Amino acid sequence: MSNNTADTPQARRTKNHDAQINNLLQDRDGGIPIWIRSPKGRPEHYTGLSRAKLYELAGEGLIRSVSLRKPGEVKGTRLFNLQSILRYIEGQETRNSSKGVAHV
């Protein structure tokens, strides 16, 4: 048995999940976006996260986001990277699997 950390069950699960996420995101015929907008007054469609939670996670650097605005403008459109959100959720599930609950 090797000491290679890439052979651990957790590493294999993470690699499996990453492959599944990549497959979902590459399937553009299914209509799954790469970037999403934060919802107003309801949970986000693909993840179930609220607008406040998306901004909180992005502010903490836990998920990727980008603000589209012209130089000098105050307002813009904030987009969140769906793959980074799904990876964050998967990481929470893996981290908390012994408790049986994913805390987001």
Protein backbone atom coordinates (compact mmCIF):
# COMPACT_ATOMS: atom_id res chain seq x y z
CA MET A 1 0.00 0.00 0.00
CA SER A 2 1.42 3.40 -0.96
CA ASN A 3 1.58 6.54 1.15
CA ASN A 4 0.29 8.58 -1.77
CA THR A 5 -2.52 10.82 -0.49
CA ALA A 6 -4.15 10.68 -3.94
CA ASP A 7 -5.09 7.06 -3.16
CA THR A 8 -7.17 7.83 -0.08
CA PRO A 9 -10.93 7.19 -0.17
CA GLN A 10 -11.61 10.89 0.32
CA ALA A 11 -9.32 11.85 -2.59
CA ARG A 12 -11.06 9.30 -4.82
CA ARG A 13 -14.51 10.63 -3.79
CA THR A 14 -13.42 14.21 -4.45
CA LYS A 15 -12.02 13.25 -7.85
CA ASN A 16 -15.26 11.40 -8.63
CA HIS A 17 -17.37 14.39 -7.58
CA ASP A 18 -15.19 16.78 -9.60
CA ALA A 19 -15.62 14.58 -12.66
CA GLN A 20 -19.39 14.52 -12.14
CA ILE A 21 -19.53 18.30 -11.72
CA ASN A 22 -17.38 18.82 -14.81
CA ASN A 23 -19.61 16.47 -16.81
CA LEU A 24 -22.71 18.36 -15.71
CA LEU A 25 -21.23 21.73 -16.55
CA GLN A 26 -19.94 20.57 -19.93
CA ASP A 27 -23.39 19.32 -20.88
CA ARG A 28 -24.54 22.65 -22.30
CA ASP A 29 -27.53 20.94 -23.98
CA GLY A 30 -28.93 20.41 -20.49
CA GLY A 31 -29.01 24.16 -19.91
CA ILE A 32 -26.75 24.15 -16.85
CA PRO A 33 -25.01 27.52 -16.67
CA ILE A 34 -21.43 28.21 -15.71
CA TRP A 35 -22.26 31.53 -14.04
CA ILE A 36 -25.47 32.29 -12.12
CA ARG A 37 -27.06 35.43 -10.71
CA SER A 38 -28.17 35.70 -7.12
CA PRO A 39 -31.92 35.29 -6.69
CA LYS A 40 -34.21 37.92 -5.20
CA GLY A 41 -36.71 36.65 -2.66
CA ARG A 42 -36.23 32.94 -3.26
CA PRO A 43 -33.50 30.29 -3.07
CA GLU A 44 -31.15 29.92 -6.04
CA HIS A 45 -32.46 27.29 -8.47
CA TYR A 46 -29.46 24.92 -8.74
CA THR A 47 -28.14 25.04 -5.17
CA GLY A 48 -31.00 26.18 -2.94
CA LEU A 49 -28.79 28.88 -1.41
CA SER A 50 -30.16 32.31 -0.58
CA ARG A 51 -28.89 35.58 -2.01
CA ALA A 52 -27.39 36.47 1.37
CA LYS A 53 -25.57 33.12 1.65
CA LEU A 54 -24.10 33.47 -1.85
CA TYR A 55 -22.75 36.95 -1.03
CA GLU A 56 -21.45 35.70 2.33
CA LEU A 57 -19.58 32.76 0.78
CA ALA A 58 -18.16 34.96 -1.99
CA GLY A 59 -17.10 37.59 0.54
CA GLU A 60 -15.22 34.94 2.50
CA GLY A 61 -13.52 33.74 -0.69
CA LEU A 62 -15.15 30.30 -0.45
CA ILE A 63 -16.80 30.51 -3.87
CA ARG A 64 -15.92 32.42 -7.05
CA SER A 65 -17.82 35.51 -8.10
CA VAL A 66 -17.32 38.41 -10.45
CA SER A 67 -18.88 41.85 -10.72
CA LEU A 68 -19.62 43.04 -14.23
CA ARG A 69 -19.57 46.83 -14.34
CA LYS A 70 -18.04 49.57 -16.36
CA PRO A 71 -15.13 51.55 -14.90
CA GLY A 72 -16.37 54.30 -12.61
CA GLU A 73 -19.85 52.83 -12.20
CA VAL A 74 -21.08 51.95 -8.72
CA LYS A 75 -23.68 49.36 -9.72
CA GLY A 76 -23.06 46.24 -11.70
CA THR A 77 -24.18 42.65 -12.03
CA ARG A 78 -22.69 40.09 -9.66
CA LEU A 79 -22.33 36.57 -11.04
CA PHE A 80 -21.42 33.43 -9.08
CA ASN A 81 -19.55 30.47 -10.51
CA LEU A 82 -21.84 27.44 -10.21
CA GLN A 83 -19.00 24.90 -10.23
CA SER A 84 -17.29 26.61 -7.28
CA ILE A 85 -20.59 26.59 -5.34
CA LEU A 86 -21.15 22.89 -6.03
CA ARG A 87 -17.56 22.11 -5.02
CA TYR A 88 -18.04 24.07 -1.79
CA ILE A 89 -21.21 22.11 -1.00
CA GLU A 90 -19.49 18.80 -1.80
CA GLY A 91 -16.60 19.79 0.46
CA GLN A 92 -19.02 20.53 3.29
CA GLU A 93 -20.72 17.18 2.76
CA THR A 94 -17.38 15.34 2.82
CA ARG A 95 -16.15 17.29 5.84
CA ASN A 96 -19.35 16.71 7.78
CA SER A 97 -20.11 13.17 6.58
CA SER A 98 -19.40 11.74 10.01
CA LYS A 99 -22.15 13.97 11.43
CA GLY A 100 -24.60 13.15 8.64
CA VAL A 101 -25.41 16.82 8.08
CA ALA A 102 -23.89 19.33 5.67
CA HIS A 103 -23.65 22.77 7.28
CA VAL A 104 -23.63 25.57 4.73
